[in-house]
Amino acid sequence: MVNAILFDLDGTLMPVSQDDFTKAYFKALTSKASSLGYEKDAFVKAIWAGTSAMQNNDGSAHNDVRFWEVFSGMMGTSNDLRPMFDSFYANEFDSVKSILPRLIDHSSMINMLREKGYFLVLATNPFFPMTAIRTRLSWFGLSAEDFLYITHYENSCYCKPSMGYYKEIFHNIGRSPEECLMIGNNADEDVCVAELGAEVYLVTDVPEGHGSAGSYPHGSFAELKAYLESLPVLR
């Protein structure tokens, strides 16, 4: 019986395509880096290389280690840029919320699930530090404390769609796949966890991936809310 619910962030809780988010994110980040004297093209190339290193992580180190060893190496600087990134995610990054099509508040839905007794997980692809995730959650009326577990680049050794990513979550929250419901918008990266035995719900407002919903429960975010309201109370 499902007692844990995993939420994707991009395209699910945040109804914006990955491409639109990435463009707005890089515009804000490169503006910050350029103001500090870093060459834009080299900076962006290093970011993408570091991201690729996380995407291809084999599980032998956390994603932040993979990112920083590649990014710092390509930037060719002895300066530790992590404080600059942390400052950006806590401040300028907030401007990216302007891409949201409307004001969104997911607090009532999350509170309803918490009151029903579900173990809530934010299963966002762990490319970002916790500082960035806290900022993003604030765009939807949420905080990190609304979830009992959040994947970020300092506690994750894999990325979606690796099964290692999901196995790592199940291990860390002490749940079997059969006890979990994964909610996401990507027909490849989110639905794939069904192979391990987890239940899935595909949100179709901002569809991504090359697969299809198939026989899995799916629908708009409004329909998802109704689906979640129908879940039984656990306590």
Protein backbone atom coordinates (compact mmCIF):
# COMPACT_ATOMS: atom_id res chain seq x y z
CA MET A 1 0.00 0.00 0.00
CA VAL A 2 1.31 3.44 -0.94
CA ASN A 3 2.43 5.48 2.06
CA ALA A 4 5.06 7.72 0.44
CA ILE A 5 4.59 10.23 -2.38
CA LEU A 6 7.45 11.52 -4.52
CA PHE A 7 7.01 14.81 -6.38
CA ASP A 8 9.02 15.94 -9.37
CA LEU A 9 9.64 19.69 -9.57
CA ASP A 10 10.31 20.88 -13.13
CA GLY A 11 7.17 20.68 -15.23
CA THR A 12 5.20 19.19 -12.34
CA LEU A 13 5.06 21.42 -9.25
CA MET A 14 6.50 24.13 -11.50
CA PRO A 15 4.37 24.23 -14.70
CA VAL A 16 7.15 25.48 -16.98
CA SER A 17 9.11 23.56 -19.60
CA GLN A 18 12.69 22.60 -18.89
CA ASP A 19 13.86 24.71 -21.85
CA ASP A 20 12.11 27.86 -20.62
CA PHE A 21 13.44 27.40 -17.11
CA THR A 22 16.99 26.74 -18.35
CA LYS A 23 17.01 29.89 -20.50
CA ALA A 24 15.84 32.10 -17.64
CA TYR A 25 18.24 30.43 -15.21
CA PHE A 26 21.28 30.87 -17.43
CA LYS A 27 20.37 34.48 -18.20
CA ALA A 28 20.35 35.32 -14.50
CA LEU A 29 23.41 33.24 -13.62
CA THR A 30 25.63 34.49 -16.46
CA SER A 31 24.67 38.07 -15.63
CA LYS A 32 25.99 37.50 -12.12
CA ALA A 33 29.16 35.79 -13.37
CA SER A 34 29.85 38.47 -15.99
CA SER A 35 29.54 41.19 -13.38
CA LEU A 36 32.35 39.46 -11.50
CA GLY A 37 34.58 39.31 -14.57
CA TYR A 38 34.00 35.77 -15.83
CA GLU A 39 33.77 35.23 -19.58
CA LYS A 40 30.21 34.16 -20.45
CA ASP A 41 30.83 31.44 -23.06
CA ALA A 42 33.54 29.70 -21.04
CA PHE A 43 31.38 29.89 -17.93
CA VAL A 44 28.36 28.34 -19.66
CA LYS A 45 30.49 25.61 -21.24
CA ALA A 46 31.89 24.71 -17.82
CA ILE A 47 28.40 24.62 -16.29
CA TRP A 48 27.15 22.22 -18.95
CA ALA A 49 30.22 20.01 -18.60
CA GLY A 50 29.71 19.86 -14.84
CA THR A 51 26.04 19.04 -15.34
CA SER A 52 26.96 16.25 -17.74
CA ALA A 53 29.33 14.83 -15.12
CA MET A 54 26.43 14.68 -12.66
CA GLN A 55 24.11 13.15 -15.25
CA ASN A 56 26.63 10.39 -15.90
CA ASN A 57 27.59 9.84 -12.27
CA ASP A 58 28.30 6.18 -11.53
CA GLY A 59 27.37 6.44 -7.86
CA SER A 60 30.92 6.49 -6.49
CA ALA A 61 30.71 10.15 -5.35
CA HIS A 62 28.02 12.71 -4.67
CA ASN A 63 26.88 14.88 -7.54
CA ASP A 64 28.37 18.05 -6.06
CA VAL A 65 31.82 16.41 -6.12
CA ARG A 66 31.36 15.46 -9.77
CA PHE A 67 30.20 18.95 -10.70
CA TRP A 68 32.88 20.93 -8.93
CA GLU A 69 35.82 18.81 -10.05
CA VAL A 70 34.81 19.32 -13.70
CA PHE A 71 33.58 22.92 -13.45
CA SER A 72 36.59 24.16 -11.48
CA GLY A 73 38.98 22.33 -13.78
CA MET A 74 37.50 23.94 -16.88
CA MET A 75 37.35 27.40 -15.33
CA GLY A 76 41.04 27.12 -14.51
CA THR A 77 40.76 29.13 -11.35
CA SER A 78 42.01 28.49 -7.84
CA ASN A 79 39.11 30.54 -6.46
CA ASP A 80 36.28 28.60 -4.88
CA LEU A 81 33.17 29.85 -6.68
CA ARG A 82 30.73 28.05 -4.38
CA PRO A 83 30.09 31.18 -2.24
CA MET A 84 29.22 33.07 -5.43
CA PHE A 85 26.78 30.34 -6.47
CA ASP A 86 25.24 30.19 -2.98
CA SER A 87 24.76 33.96 -3.00
CA PHE A 88 23.17 33.78 -6.43
CA TYR A 89 20.74 31.01 -5.46
CA ALA A 90 19.71 32.88 -2.31
CA ASN A 91 19.24 36.21 -4.08
CA GLU A 92 19.29 36.82 -7.86
CA PHE A 93 17.91 33.37 -8.63
CA ASP A 94 14.54 34.47 -7.24
CA SER A 95 14.01 36.61 -10.36
CA VAL A 96 13.57 33.44 -12.44
CA LYS A 97 10.09 32.98 -10.94
CA SER A 98 8.93 35.63 -13.43
CA ILE A 99 8.62 32.83 -16.02
CA LEU A 100 5.77 31.25 -14.07
CA PRO A 101 2.51 31.69 -16.00
CA ARG A 102 0.59 32.54 -12.82
CA LEU A 103 0.85 32.74 -9.05
CA ILE A 104 0.91 29.20 -7.67
CA ASP A 105 0.33 27.99 -4.13
CA HIS A 106 0.63 24.25 -3.52
CA SER A 107 0.53 24.52 0.27
CA SER A 108 -3.05 23.31 0.68
CA MET A 109 -2.39 20.17 -1.39
CA ILE A 110 0.82 19.36 0.48
CA ASN A 111 -0.80 20.03 3.85
CA MET A 112 -3.69 17.73 2.94
CA LEU A 113 -1.29 14.88 2.15
CA ARG A 114 0.73 15.47 5.32
CA GLU A 115 -2.45 15.40 7.40
CA LYS A 116 -3.42 12.12 5.74
CA GLY A 117 -0.13 10.68 6.96
CA TYR A 118 1.90 10.36 3.75
CA PHE A 119 5.70 10.53 3.72
CA LEU A 120 6.44 13.32 1.25
CA VAL A 121 9.55 13.45 -0.92
CA LEU A 122 10.72 16.11 -3.36
CA ALA A 123 12.28 13.95 -6.06
CA THR A 124 13.77 16.68 -8.24
CA ASN A 125 16.71 15.83 -10.48
CA PRO A 126 19.65 16.59 -8.15
CA PHE A 127 21.58 19.13 -10.20
CA PHE A 128 21.18 21.94 -7.64
CA PRO A 129 22.26 22.65 -4.05
CA MET A 130 19.71 22.87 -1.28
CA THR A 131 19.93 26.67 -1.32
CA ALA A 132 18.54 26.76 -4.85
CA ILE A 133 15.77 24.29 -4.05
CA ARG A 134 14.65 26.35 -1.04
CA THR A 135 14.33 29.39 -3.29
CA ARG A 136 12.36 27.49 -5.91
CA LEU A 137 9.95 25.99 -3.38
CA SER A 138 9.12 29.49 -2.13
CA TRP A 139 7.66 30.22 -5.57
CA PHE A 140 4.82 27.78 -4.82
CA GLY A 141 4.09 28.64 -1.21
CA LEU A 142 6.24 25.76 0.03
CA SER A 143 9.37 25.28 2.10
CA ALA A 144 11.91 22.50 2.49
CA GLU A 145 10.24 21.60 5.79
CA ASP A 146 7.12 20.50 3.89
CA PHE A 147 9.04 17.42 2.76
CA LEU A 148 10.68 14.70 4.82
CA TYR A 149 13.32 14.05 2.15
CA ILE A 150 14.62 16.15 -0.74
CA THR A 151 17.13 15.08 -3.37
CA HIS A 152 19.85 17.65 -4.07
CA TYR A 153 23.35 17.48 -5.44
CA GLU A 154 25.00 17.04 -2.04
CA ASN A 155 23.02 13.94 -0.98
CA SER A 156 22.61 12.18 -4.34
CA CYS A 157 25.04 10.04 -6.32
CA TYR A 158 22.85 9.57 -9.40
CA CYS A 159 20.43 11.50 -11.59
CA LYS A 160 17.22 10.63 -13.39
CA PRO A 161 16.55 8.40 -15.27
CA SER A 162 19.10 6.11 -13.58
CA MET A 163 17.47 3.43 -11.46
CA GLY A 164 20.26 4.15 -9.00
CA TYR A 165 18.62 7.53 -8.33
CA TYR A 166 15.35 5.92 -7.26
CA LYS A 167 16.98 3.05 -5.39
CA GLU A 168 18.97 5.62 -3.43
CA ILE A 169 15.75 7.40 -2.44
CA PHE A 170 13.99 4.19 -1.39
CA HIS A 171 16.99 3.18 0.69
CA ASN A 172 17.31 6.57 2.38
CA ILE A 173 13.61 6.88 3.26
CA GLY A 174 13.27 3.25 4.31
CA ARG A 175 10.48 2.41 1.88
CA SER A 176 10.06 -0.28 -0.74
CA PRO A 177 9.17 0.80 -4.30
CA GLU A 178 5.72 -0.73 -3.84
CA GLU A 179 5.03 1.72 -1.02
CA CYS A 180 5.77 4.74 -3.21
CA LEU A 181 3.89 6.86 -5.75
CA MET A 182 6.02 8.93 -8.13
CA ILE A 183 4.34 12.03 -9.60
CA GLY A 184 6.05 13.67 -12.55
CA ASN A 185 5.63 15.06 -16.05
CA ASN A 186 8.43 13.24 -17.87
CA ALA A 187 7.37 10.05 -19.62
CA ASP A 188 10.96 8.81 -19.51
CA GLU A 189 12.63 10.13 -16.36
CA ASP A 190 9.65 9.83 -13.99
CA VAL A 191 7.64 6.90 -15.33
CA CYS A 192 10.71 4.65 -15.50
CA VAL A 193 10.54 4.01 -11.74
CA ALA A 194 7.54 1.76 -12.42
CA GLU A 195 10.12 -0.83 -13.51
CA LEU A 196 11.11 -1.13 -9.85
CA GLY A 197 7.52 -1.64 -8.74
CA ALA A 198 6.53 1.90 -7.75
CA GLU A 199 3.22 3.44 -8.76
CA VAL A 200 3.32 6.48 -11.03
CA TYR A 201 1.10 9.40 -12.04
CA LEU A 202 2.03 11.37 -15.16
CA VAL A 203 1.05 15.05 -15.13
CA THR A 204 0.23 16.13 -18.67
CA ASP A 205 0.15 19.95 -18.43
CA VAL A 206 3.82 20.27 -19.49
CA PRO A 207 4.61 16.91 -21.14
CA GLU A 208 8.25 15.96 -21.60
CA GLY A 209 10.10 12.82 -22.62
CA HIS A 210 9.58 10.51 -25.58
CA GLY A 211 7.45 7.86 -23.91
CA SER A 212 3.70 7.85 -23.38
CA ALA A 213 1.41 7.58 -20.40
CA GLY A 214 0.31 4.15 -21.59
CA SER A 215 -1.78 2.43 -18.95
CA TYR A 216 -0.45 4.57 -16.11
CA PRO A 217 -2.72 7.04 -14.31
CA HIS A 218 -2.33 10.44 -15.93
CA GLY A 219 -4.02 13.80 -16.29
CA SER A 220 -3.73 17.52 -15.72
CA PHE A 221 -2.49 18.95 -12.44
CA ALA A 222 -6.11 19.74 -11.53
CA GLU A 223 -6.98 16.09 -12.12
CA LEU A 224 -3.97 15.07 -10.06
CA LYS A 225 -5.30 17.04 -7.10
CA ALA A 226 -8.59 15.18 -7.31
CA TYR A 227 -6.68 11.90 -7.52
CA LEU A 228 -4.69 12.76 -4.40
CA GLU A 229 -7.80 13.81 -2.52
CA SER A 230 -9.21 10.34 -3.16
CA LEU A 231 -6.24 8.63 -1.50
CA PRO A 232 -7.06 7.00 1.83
CA VAL A 233 -6.14 8.49 5.18
CA LEU A 234 -3.26 6.58 6.77
CA ARG A 235 -3.69 7.93 10.28
